[in-house]
Full PDB file with SEQRES, HELIX, SHEET, SSBOND, CRYST1, ORIGX, SCALE, CONECT and MASTER records, all heavy atoms in Angstrom:
SEQRES   1 A   37  GLY ALA GLY THR GLN THR VAL LEU TRP ALA ARG PHE PRO          
SEQRES   2 A   37  SER GLY ASP GLU LEU PHE MET PRO CYS VAL VAL ASN VAL          
SEQRES   3 A   37  SER GLY ALA GLY GLY GLY GLY ALA ALA ASP VAL                  
HELIX    1 AA1 ALA A    2  THR A    4  5                                   3    
SHEET    1 AA1 2 GLN A   5  ARG A  11  0                                        
SHEET    2 AA1 2 GLU A  17  VAL A  23 -1                                        
CRYST1    1.000    1.000    1.000  90.00  90.00  90.00 P 1           1          
ORIGX1      1.000000  0.000000  0.000000        0.00000                         
ORIGX2      0.000000  1.000000  0.000000        0.00000                         
ORIGX3      0.000000  0.000000  1.000000        0.00000                         
SCALE1      1.000000  0.000000  0.000000        0.00000                         
SCALE2      0.000000  1.000000  0.000000        0.00000                         
SCALE3      0.000000  0.000000  1.000000        0.00000                         
ATOM      1  N   GLY A   1       0.824  -1.273   0.003  1.00  0.00           N  
ATOM      2  CA  GLY A   1       0.030  -0.030   0.037  1.00  0.00           C  
ATOM      3  C   GLY A   1       0.885   1.267  -0.052  1.00  0.00           C  
ATOM      4  O   GLY A   1       1.831   1.322  -0.700  1.00  0.00           O  
ATOM      5  N   ALA A   2       0.358   2.237   0.818  1.00  0.00           N  
ATOM      6  CA  ALA A   2       1.029   3.473   0.897  1.00  0.00           C  
ATOM      7  C   ALA A   2       2.564   3.407   1.410  1.00  0.00           C  
ATOM      8  O   ALA A   2       3.328   4.398   1.154  1.00  0.00           O  
ATOM      9  CB  ALA A   2       0.199   4.593   1.705  1.00  0.00           C  
ATOM     10  N   GLY A   3       2.809   2.334   2.024  1.00  0.00           N  
ATOM     11  CA  GLY A   3       4.104   2.167   2.633  1.00  0.00           C  
ATOM     12  C   GLY A   3       5.239   2.067   1.490  1.00  0.00           C  
ATOM     13  O   GLY A   3       6.417   2.135   1.832  1.00  0.00           O  
ATOM     14  N   THR A   4       4.816   1.855   0.265  1.00  0.00           N  
ATOM     15  CA  THR A   4       5.897   1.711  -0.785  1.00  0.00           C  
ATOM     16  C   THR A   4       5.940   2.984  -1.555  1.00  0.00           C  
ATOM     17  O   THR A   4       6.694   3.040  -2.512  1.00  0.00           O  
ATOM     18  CB  THR A   4       5.504   0.526  -1.719  1.00  0.00           C  
ATOM     19  OG1 THR A   4       4.154   0.968  -2.457  1.00  0.00           O  
ATOM     20  CG2 THR A   4       5.398  -0.781  -1.100  1.00  0.00           C  
ATOM     21  N   GLN A   5       5.191   4.049  -1.192  1.00  0.00           N  
ATOM     22  CA  GLN A   5       5.282   5.353  -1.860  1.00  0.00           C  
ATOM     23  C   GLN A   5       6.387   6.208  -1.306  1.00  0.00           C  
ATOM     24  O   GLN A   5       6.592   6.366  -0.226  1.00  0.00           O  
ATOM     25  CB  GLN A   5       3.948   6.046  -1.780  1.00  0.00           C  
ATOM     26  CG  GLN A   5       2.727   5.394  -2.335  1.00  0.00           C  
ATOM     27  CD  GLN A   5       1.544   6.044  -2.069  1.00  0.00           C  
ATOM     28  OE1 GLN A   5       1.337   6.722  -1.146  1.00  0.00           O  
ATOM     29  NE2 GLN A   5       0.577   6.036  -3.142  1.00  0.00           N  
ATOM     30  N   THR A   6       7.156   6.820  -2.338  1.00  0.00           N  
ATOM     31  CA  THR A   6       8.283   7.624  -1.934  1.00  0.00           C  
ATOM     32  C   THR A   6       8.402   8.660  -2.985  1.00  0.00           C  
ATOM     33  O   THR A   6       7.610   8.834  -3.914  1.00  0.00           O  
ATOM     34  CB  THR A   6       9.476   6.931  -1.581  1.00  0.00           C  
ATOM     35  OG1 THR A   6      10.413   7.787  -0.981  1.00  0.00           O  
ATOM     36  CG2 THR A   6      10.146   6.198  -2.723  1.00  0.00           C  
ATOM     37  N   VAL A   7       9.629   9.343  -3.027  1.00  0.00           N  
ATOM     38  CA  VAL A   7      10.032  10.280  -4.091  1.00  0.00           C  
ATOM     39  C   VAL A   7      11.383  10.003  -4.585  1.00  0.00           C  
ATOM     40  O   VAL A   7      12.342   9.762  -3.699  1.00  0.00           O  
ATOM     41  CB  VAL A   7       9.909  11.778  -3.613  1.00  0.00           C  
ATOM     42  CG1 VAL A   7      10.289  12.724  -4.612  1.00  0.00           C  
ATOM     43  CG2 VAL A   7       8.467  12.045  -3.043  1.00  0.00           C  
ATOM     44  N   LEU A   8      11.562   9.848  -5.840  1.00  0.00           N  
ATOM     45  CA  LEU A   8      12.917   9.779  -6.345  1.00  0.00           C  
ATOM     46  C   LEU A   8      13.453  11.054  -6.970  1.00  0.00           C  
ATOM     47  O   LEU A   8      12.658  11.860  -7.587  1.00  0.00           O  
ATOM     48  CB  LEU A   8      12.888   8.677  -7.563  1.00  0.00           C  
ATOM     49  CG  LEU A   8      14.180   8.524  -8.297  1.00  0.00           C  
ATOM     50  CD1 LEU A   8      14.593   7.016  -8.392  1.00  0.00           C  
ATOM     51  CD2 LEU A   8      14.071   9.155  -9.630  1.00  0.00           C  
ATOM     52  N   TRP A   9      14.712  11.351  -6.658  1.00  0.00           N  
ATOM     53  CA  TRP A   9      15.267  12.452  -7.300  1.00  0.00           C  
ATOM     54  C   TRP A   9      16.549  12.060  -8.037  1.00  0.00           C  
ATOM     55  O   TRP A   9      17.368  11.220  -7.557  1.00  0.00           O  
ATOM     56  CB  TRP A   9      15.762  13.482  -6.207  1.00  0.00           C  
ATOM     57  CG  TRP A   9      16.718  14.678  -6.637  1.00  0.00           C  
ATOM     58  CD1 TRP A   9      16.304  15.726  -7.324  1.00  0.00           C  
ATOM     59  CD2 TRP A   9      18.057  14.593  -6.667  1.00  0.00           C  
ATOM     60  NE1 TRP A   9      17.441  16.458  -7.727  1.00  0.00           N  
ATOM     61  CE2 TRP A   9      18.606  15.747  -7.296  1.00  0.00           C  
ATOM     62  CE3 TRP A   9      19.056  13.643  -6.225  1.00  0.00           C  
ATOM     63  CZ2 TRP A   9      19.869  16.045  -7.519  1.00  0.00           C  
ATOM     64  CZ3 TRP A   9      20.418  14.036  -6.409  1.00  0.00           C  
ATOM     65  CH2 TRP A   9      20.818  15.183  -7.108  1.00  0.00           C  
ATOM     66  N   ALA A  10      16.736  12.598  -9.266  1.00  0.00           N  
ATOM     67  CA  ALA A  10      17.939  12.286 -10.058  1.00  0.00           C  
ATOM     68  C   ALA A  10      18.493  13.445 -10.763  1.00  0.00           C  
ATOM     69  O   ALA A  10      17.666  14.244 -11.210  1.00  0.00           O  
ATOM     70  CB  ALA A  10      17.617  11.217 -11.057  1.00  0.00           C  
ATOM     71  N   ARG A  11      19.763  13.653 -10.844  1.00  0.00           N  
ATOM     72  CA  ARG A  11      20.401  14.647 -11.556  1.00  0.00           C  
ATOM     73  C   ARG A  11      21.349  14.020 -12.635  1.00  0.00           C  
ATOM     74  O   ARG A  11      22.227  13.242 -12.266  1.00  0.00           O  
ATOM     75  CB  ARG A  11      21.274  15.645 -10.763  1.00  0.00           C  
ATOM     76  CG  ARG A  11      21.913  16.732 -11.530  1.00  0.00           C  
ATOM     77  CD  ARG A  11      22.810  17.694 -10.764  1.00  0.00           C  
ATOM     78  NE  ARG A  11      21.990  18.468  -9.965  1.00  0.00           N  
ATOM     79  CZ  ARG A  11      22.214  18.705  -8.732  1.00  0.00           C  
ATOM     80  NH1 ARG A  11      23.265  18.110  -8.117  1.00  0.00           N  
ATOM     81  NH2 ARG A  11      21.529  19.512  -7.975  1.00  0.00           N  
ATOM     82  N   PHE A  12      21.021  14.354 -13.868  1.00  0.00           N  
ATOM     83  CA  PHE A  12      21.865  13.792 -14.906  1.00  0.00           C  
ATOM     84  C   PHE A  12      23.012  14.612 -15.241  1.00  0.00           C  
ATOM     85  O   PHE A  12      23.059  15.845 -15.002  1.00  0.00           O  
ATOM     86  CB  PHE A  12      20.980  13.589 -16.277  1.00  0.00           C  
ATOM     87  CG  PHE A  12      19.906  12.572 -15.852  1.00  0.00           C  
ATOM     88  CD1 PHE A  12      18.672  13.096 -15.379  1.00  0.00           C  
ATOM     89  CD2 PHE A  12      19.915  11.323 -16.152  1.00  0.00           C  
ATOM     90  CE1 PHE A  12      17.558  12.317 -15.110  1.00  0.00           C  
ATOM     91  CE2 PHE A  12      18.949  10.323 -15.823  1.00  0.00           C  
ATOM     92  CZ  PHE A  12      17.703  10.931 -15.212  1.00  0.00           C  
ATOM     93  N   PRO A  13      24.089  14.113 -15.773  1.00  0.00           N  
ATOM     94  CA  PRO A  13      25.352  14.986 -16.111  1.00  0.00           C  
ATOM     95  C   PRO A  13      24.998  16.257 -17.058  1.00  0.00           C  
ATOM     96  O   PRO A  13      25.809  17.186 -17.050  1.00  0.00           O  
ATOM     97  CB  PRO A  13      26.237  14.098 -16.871  1.00  0.00           C  
ATOM     98  CG  PRO A  13      25.822  12.643 -16.292  1.00  0.00           C  
ATOM     99  CD  PRO A  13      24.384  12.742 -16.028  1.00  0.00           C  
ATOM    100  N   SER A  14      23.979  16.147 -17.725  1.00  0.00           N  
ATOM    101  CA  SER A  14      23.567  17.343 -18.569  1.00  0.00           C  
ATOM    102  C   SER A  14      23.054  18.425 -17.566  1.00  0.00           C  
ATOM    103  O   SER A  14      22.851  19.670 -18.165  1.00  0.00           O  
ATOM    104  CB  SER A  14      22.514  16.953 -19.571  1.00  0.00           C  
ATOM    105  OG  SER A  14      21.271  16.565 -18.862  1.00  0.00           O  
ATOM    106  N   GLY A  15      22.788  18.195 -16.398  1.00  0.00           N  
ATOM    107  CA  GLY A  15      22.158  19.231 -15.498  1.00  0.00           C  
ATOM    108  C   GLY A  15      20.747  18.998 -15.419  1.00  0.00           C  
ATOM    109  O   GLY A  15      20.025  19.580 -14.500  1.00  0.00           O  
ATOM    110  N   ASP A  16      20.123  18.108 -16.217  1.00  0.00           N  
ATOM    111  CA  ASP A  16      18.712  17.847 -16.071  1.00  0.00           C  
ATOM    112  C   ASP A  16      18.414  17.235 -14.815  1.00  0.00           C  
ATOM    113  O   ASP A  16      19.216  16.401 -14.267  1.00  0.00           O  
ATOM    114  CB  ASP A  16      18.213  16.907 -17.195  1.00  0.00           C  
ATOM    115  CG  ASP A  16      18.278  17.477 -18.634  1.00  0.00           C  
ATOM    116  OD1 ASP A  16      18.784  18.660 -18.796  1.00  0.00           O  
ATOM    117  OD2 ASP A  16      17.815  16.711 -19.565  1.00  0.00           O  
ATOM    118  N   GLU A  17      17.201  17.547 -14.197  1.00  0.00           N  
ATOM    119  CA  GLU A  17      16.800  16.909 -12.898  1.00  0.00           C  
ATOM    120  C   GLU A  17      15.349  16.258 -12.993  1.00  0.00           C  
ATOM    121  O   GLU A  17      14.522  16.725 -13.720  1.00  0.00           O  
ATOM    122  CB  GLU A  17      16.751  17.906 -11.734  1.00  0.00           C  
ATOM    123  CG  GLU A  17      18.153  18.306 -11.232  1.00  0.00           C  
ATOM    124  CD  GLU A  17      18.097  19.192 -10.152  1.00  0.00           C  
ATOM    125  OE1 GLU A  17      17.660  20.343 -10.293  1.00  0.00           O  
ATOM    126  OE2 GLU A  17      18.472  18.615  -9.039  1.00  0.00           O  
ATOM    127  N   LEU A  18      15.279  15.120 -12.351  1.00  0.00           N  
ATOM    128  CA  LEU A  18      13.927  14.462 -12.307  1.00  0.00           C  
ATOM    129  C   LEU A  18      13.574  14.429 -10.803  1.00  0.00           C  
ATOM    130  O   LEU A  18      14.354  13.947  -9.987  1.00  0.00           O  
ATOM    131  CB  LEU A  18      14.058  13.037 -12.863  1.00  0.00           C  
ATOM    132  CG  LEU A  18      12.902  12.121 -12.788  1.00  0.00           C  
ATOM    133  CD1 LEU A  18      11.682  12.617 -13.435  1.00  0.00           C  
ATOM    134  CD2 LEU A  18      13.296  10.767 -13.177  1.00  0.00           C  
ATOM    135  N   PHE A  19      12.306  14.841 -10.567  1.00  0.00           N  
ATOM    136  CA  PHE A  19      11.733  14.698  -9.165  1.00  0.00           C  
ATOM    137  C   PHE A  19      10.446  13.937  -9.437  1.00  0.00           C  
ATOM    138  O   PHE A  19       9.602  14.524 -10.042  1.00  0.00           O  
ATOM    139  CB  PHE A  19      11.476  16.092  -8.537  1.00  0.00           C  
ATOM    140  CG  PHE A  19      11.094  16.176  -7.162  1.00  0.00           C  
ATOM    141  CD1 PHE A  19      12.017  15.951  -6.143  1.00  0.00           C  
ATOM    142  CD2 PHE A  19       9.829  16.273  -6.888  1.00  0.00           C  
ATOM    143  CE1 PHE A  19      11.636  15.979  -4.842  1.00  0.00           C  
ATOM    144  CE2 PHE A  19       9.327  16.297  -5.424  1.00  0.00           C  
ATOM    145  CZ  PHE A  19      10.312  16.158  -4.447  1.00  0.00           C  
ATOM    146  N   MET A  20      10.459  12.708  -8.863  1.00  0.00           N  
ATOM    147  CA  MET A  20       9.297  11.856  -9.313  1.00  0.00           C  
ATOM    148  C   MET A  20       8.577  11.167  -8.138  1.00  0.00           C  
ATOM    149  O   MET A  20       9.303  10.299  -7.447  1.00  0.00           O  
ATOM    150  CB  MET A  20       9.790  10.777 -10.348  1.00  0.00           C  
ATOM    151  CG  MET A  20       8.815   9.802 -10.853  1.00  0.00           C  
ATOM    152  SD  MET A  20       9.440   8.617 -12.049  1.00  0.00           S  
ATOM    153  CE  MET A  20      10.145   7.342 -11.000  1.00  0.00           C  
ATOM    154  N   PRO A  21       7.381  11.453  -7.800  1.00  0.00           N  
ATOM    155  CA  PRO A  21       6.609  10.655  -6.843  1.00  0.00           C  
ATOM    156  C   PRO A  21       6.533   9.316  -7.474  1.00  0.00           C  
ATOM    157  O   PRO A  21       6.177   9.123  -8.628  1.00  0.00           O  
ATOM    158  CB  PRO A  21       5.280  11.305  -6.757  1.00  0.00           C  
ATOM    159  CG  PRO A  21       5.144  12.357  -7.932  1.00  0.00           C  
ATOM    160  CD  PRO A  21       6.522  12.564  -8.517  1.00  0.00           C  
ATOM    161  N   CYS A  22       6.748   8.282  -6.708  1.00  0.00           N  
ATOM    162  CA  CYS A  22       6.773   6.932  -7.159  1.00  0.00           C  
ATOM    163  C   CYS A  22       6.284   5.847  -6.085  1.00  0.00           C  
ATOM    164  O   CYS A  22       6.168   6.152  -5.001  1.00  0.00           O  
ATOM    165  CB  CYS A  22       8.135   6.540  -7.657  1.00  0.00           C  
ATOM    166  SG  CYS A  22       9.497   6.636  -6.476  1.00  0.00           S  
ATOM    167  N   VAL A  23       6.117   4.670  -6.649  1.00  0.00           N  
ATOM    168  CA  VAL A  23       5.962   3.434  -5.961  1.00  0.00           C  
ATOM    169  C   VAL A  23       7.143   2.667  -6.207  1.00  0.00           C  
ATOM    170  O   VAL A  23       7.565   2.392  -7.367  1.00  0.00           O  
ATOM    171  CB  VAL A  23       4.661   2.721  -6.283  1.00  0.00           C  
ATOM    172  CG1 VAL A  23       4.558   1.478  -5.670  1.00  0.00           C  
ATOM    173  CG2 VAL A  23       3.420   3.656  -6.105  1.00  0.00           C  
ATOM    174  N   VAL A  24       7.673   2.099  -5.069  1.00  0.00           N  
ATOM    175  CA  VAL A  24       8.936   1.226  -5.234  1.00  0.00           C  
ATOM    176  C   VAL A  24       8.500  -0.268  -5.212  1.00  0.00           C  
ATOM    177  O   VAL A  24       7.786  -0.699  -4.387  1.00  0.00           O  
ATOM    178  CB  VAL A  24       9.942   1.466  -4.024  1.00  0.00           C  
ATOM    179  CG1 VAL A  24      11.151   0.553  -4.080  1.00  0.00           C  
ATOM    180  CG2 VAL A  24      10.412   2.964  -4.141  1.00  0.00           C  
ATOM    181  N   ASN A  25       8.956  -0.919  -6.279  1.00  0.00           N  
ATOM    182  CA  ASN A  25       8.555  -2.384  -6.443  1.00  0.00           C  
ATOM    183  C   ASN A  25      10.015  -3.158  -6.271  1.00  0.00           C  
ATOM    184  O   ASN A  25      10.776  -3.106  -7.191  1.00  0.00           O  
ATOM    185  CB  ASN A  25       7.971  -2.611  -7.743  1.00  0.00           C  
ATOM    186  CG  ASN A  25       7.671  -4.100  -7.903  1.00  0.00           C  
ATOM    187  OD1 ASN A  25       7.422  -4.730  -6.965  1.00  0.00           O  
ATOM    188  ND2 ASN A  25       7.751  -4.550  -9.279  1.00  0.00           N  
ATOM    189  N   VAL A  26      10.238  -3.704  -5.090  1.00  0.00           N  
ATOM    190  CA  VAL A  26      11.459  -4.515  -4.923  1.00  0.00           C  
ATOM    191  C   VAL A  26      11.302  -5.799  -5.618  1.00  0.00           C  
ATOM    192  O   VAL A  26      10.368  -6.537  -5.217  1.00  0.00           O  
ATOM    193  CB  VAL A  26      11.777  -4.582  -3.457  1.00  0.00           C  
ATOM    194  CG1 VAL A  26      13.022  -5.369  -3.097  1.00  0.00           C  
ATOM    195  CG2 VAL A  26      11.894  -3.187  -2.940  1.00  0.00           C  
ATOM    196  N   SER A  27      12.244  -6.219  -6.358  1.00  0.00           N  
ATOM    197  CA  SER A  27      12.168  -7.528  -7.147  1.00  0.00           C  
ATOM    198  C   SER A  27      13.214  -8.527  -6.612  1.00  0.00           C  
ATOM    199  O   SER A  27      13.085  -9.626  -6.916  1.00  0.00           O  
ATOM    200  CB  SER A  27      12.250  -7.416  -8.571  1.00  0.00           C  
ATOM    201  OG  SER A  27      13.376  -6.629  -8.984  1.00  0.00           O  
ATOM    202  N   GLY A  28      14.244  -8.016  -5.918  1.00  0.00           N  
ATOM    203  CA  GLY A  28      15.232  -8.841  -5.355  1.00  0.00           C  
ATOM    204  C   GLY A  28      15.993  -8.194  -4.261  1.00  0.00           C  
ATOM    205  O   GLY A  28      16.424  -7.116  -4.460  1.00  0.00           O  
ATOM    206  N   ALA A  29      16.104  -8.884  -3.161  1.00  0.00           N  
ATOM    207  CA  ALA A  29      16.828  -8.292  -1.967  1.00  0.00           C  
ATOM    208  C   ALA A  29      17.550  -9.431  -1.183  1.00  0.00           C  
ATOM    209  O   ALA A  29      16.785 -10.136  -0.551  1.00  0.00           O  
ATOM    210  CB  ALA A  29      15.911  -7.456  -1.069  1.00  0.00           C  
ATOM    211  N   GLY A  30      18.860  -9.533  -1.336  1.00  0.00           N  
ATOM    212  CA  GLY A  30      19.562 -10.483  -0.441  1.00  0.00           C  
ATOM    213  C   GLY A  30      19.905 -11.801  -1.179  1.00  0.00           C  
ATOM    214  O   GLY A  30      20.731 -12.639  -0.601  1.00  0.00           O  
ATOM    215  N   GLY A  31      19.378 -12.160  -2.373  1.00  0.00           N  
ATOM    216  CA  GLY A  31      19.667 -13.406  -3.010  1.00  0.00           C  
ATOM    217  C   GLY A  31      20.855 -13.459  -3.942  1.00  0.00           C  
ATOM    218  O   GLY A  31      21.501 -12.331  -4.096  1.00  0.00           O  
ATOM    219  N   GLY A  32      21.053 -14.484  -4.654  1.00  0.00           N  
ATOM    220  CA  GLY A  32      22.142 -14.702  -5.622  1.00  0.00           C  
ATOM    221  C   GLY A  32      22.713 -15.919  -5.454  1.00  0.00           C  
ATOM    222  O   GLY A  32      22.371 -16.755  -4.746  1.00  0.00           O  
ATOM    223  N   GLY A  33      23.761 -16.122  -6.218  1.00  0.00           N  
ATOM    224  CA  GLY A  33      24.509 -17.429  -6.232  1.00  0.00           C  
ATOM    225  C   GLY A  33      25.407 -17.611  -5.018  1.00  0.00           C  
ATOM    226  O   GLY A  33      25.665 -16.634  -4.342  1.00  0.00           O  
ATOM    227  N   ALA A  34      25.823 -18.792  -4.703  1.00  0.00           N  
ATOM    228  CA  ALA A  34      26.667 -19.128  -3.585  1.00  0.00           C  
ATOM    229  C   ALA A  34      27.843 -18.280  -3.466  1.00  0.00           C  
ATOM    230  O   ALA A  34      28.386 -17.868  -2.325  1.00  0.00           O  
ATOM    231  CB  ALA A  34      27.090 -20.566  -3.512  1.00  0.00           C  
ATOM    232  N   ALA A  35      28.506 -17.927  -4.639  1.00  0.00           N  
ATOM    233  CA  ALA A  35      29.695 -17.077  -4.656  1.00  0.00           C  
ATOM    234  C   ALA A  35      29.563 -15.519  -4.912  1.00  0.00           C  
ATOM    235  O   ALA A  35      30.487 -14.979  -5.078  1.00  0.00           O  
ATOM    236  CB  ALA A  35      30.747 -17.735  -5.610  1.00  0.00           C  
ATOM    237  N   ASP A  36      28.269 -15.224  -4.963  1.00  0.00           N  
ATOM    238  CA  ASP A  36      27.958 -13.904  -5.296  1.00  0.00           C  
ATOM    239  C   ASP A  36      27.840 -12.981  -4.136  1.00  0.00           C  
ATOM    240  O   ASP A  36      27.381 -13.522  -3.010  1.00  0.00           O  
ATOM    241  CB  ASP A  36      26.533 -13.785  -6.005  1.00  0.00           C  
ATOM    242  CG  ASP A  36      26.706 -14.496  -7.442  1.00  0.00           C  
ATOM    243  OD1 ASP A  36      27.740 -14.641  -7.929  1.00  0.00           O  
ATOM    244  OD2 ASP A  36      25.563 -14.825  -7.959  1.00  0.00           O  
ATOM    245  N   VAL A  37      27.836 -11.726  -4.257  1.00  0.00           N  
ATOM    246  CA  VAL A  37      27.451 -10.783  -3.281  1.00  0.00           C  
ATOM    247  C   VAL A  37      25.871 -10.558  -3.342  1.00  0.00           C  
ATOM    248  O   VAL A  37      25.323 -10.542  -4.476  1.00  0.00           O  
ATOM    249  CB  VAL A  37      28.168  -9.422  -3.485  1.00  0.00           C  
ATOM    250  CG1 VAL A  37      27.663  -8.267  -2.534  1.00  0.00           C  
ATOM    251  CG2 VAL A  37      29.609  -9.553  -3.240  1.00  0.00           C  
TER     252      VAL A  37                                                      
MASTER        0    0    0    1    2    0    0    6  251    1    0    3          
END                                                                             
């Protein structure tokens, strides 16, 4: 629900800026292969 809502800010090397209300969809956290980080 509302717990996944936040705001993203980004500045690109051109000087362009993005300020975006967003929903965060986490698709992977903590997994990987045995020898991976």
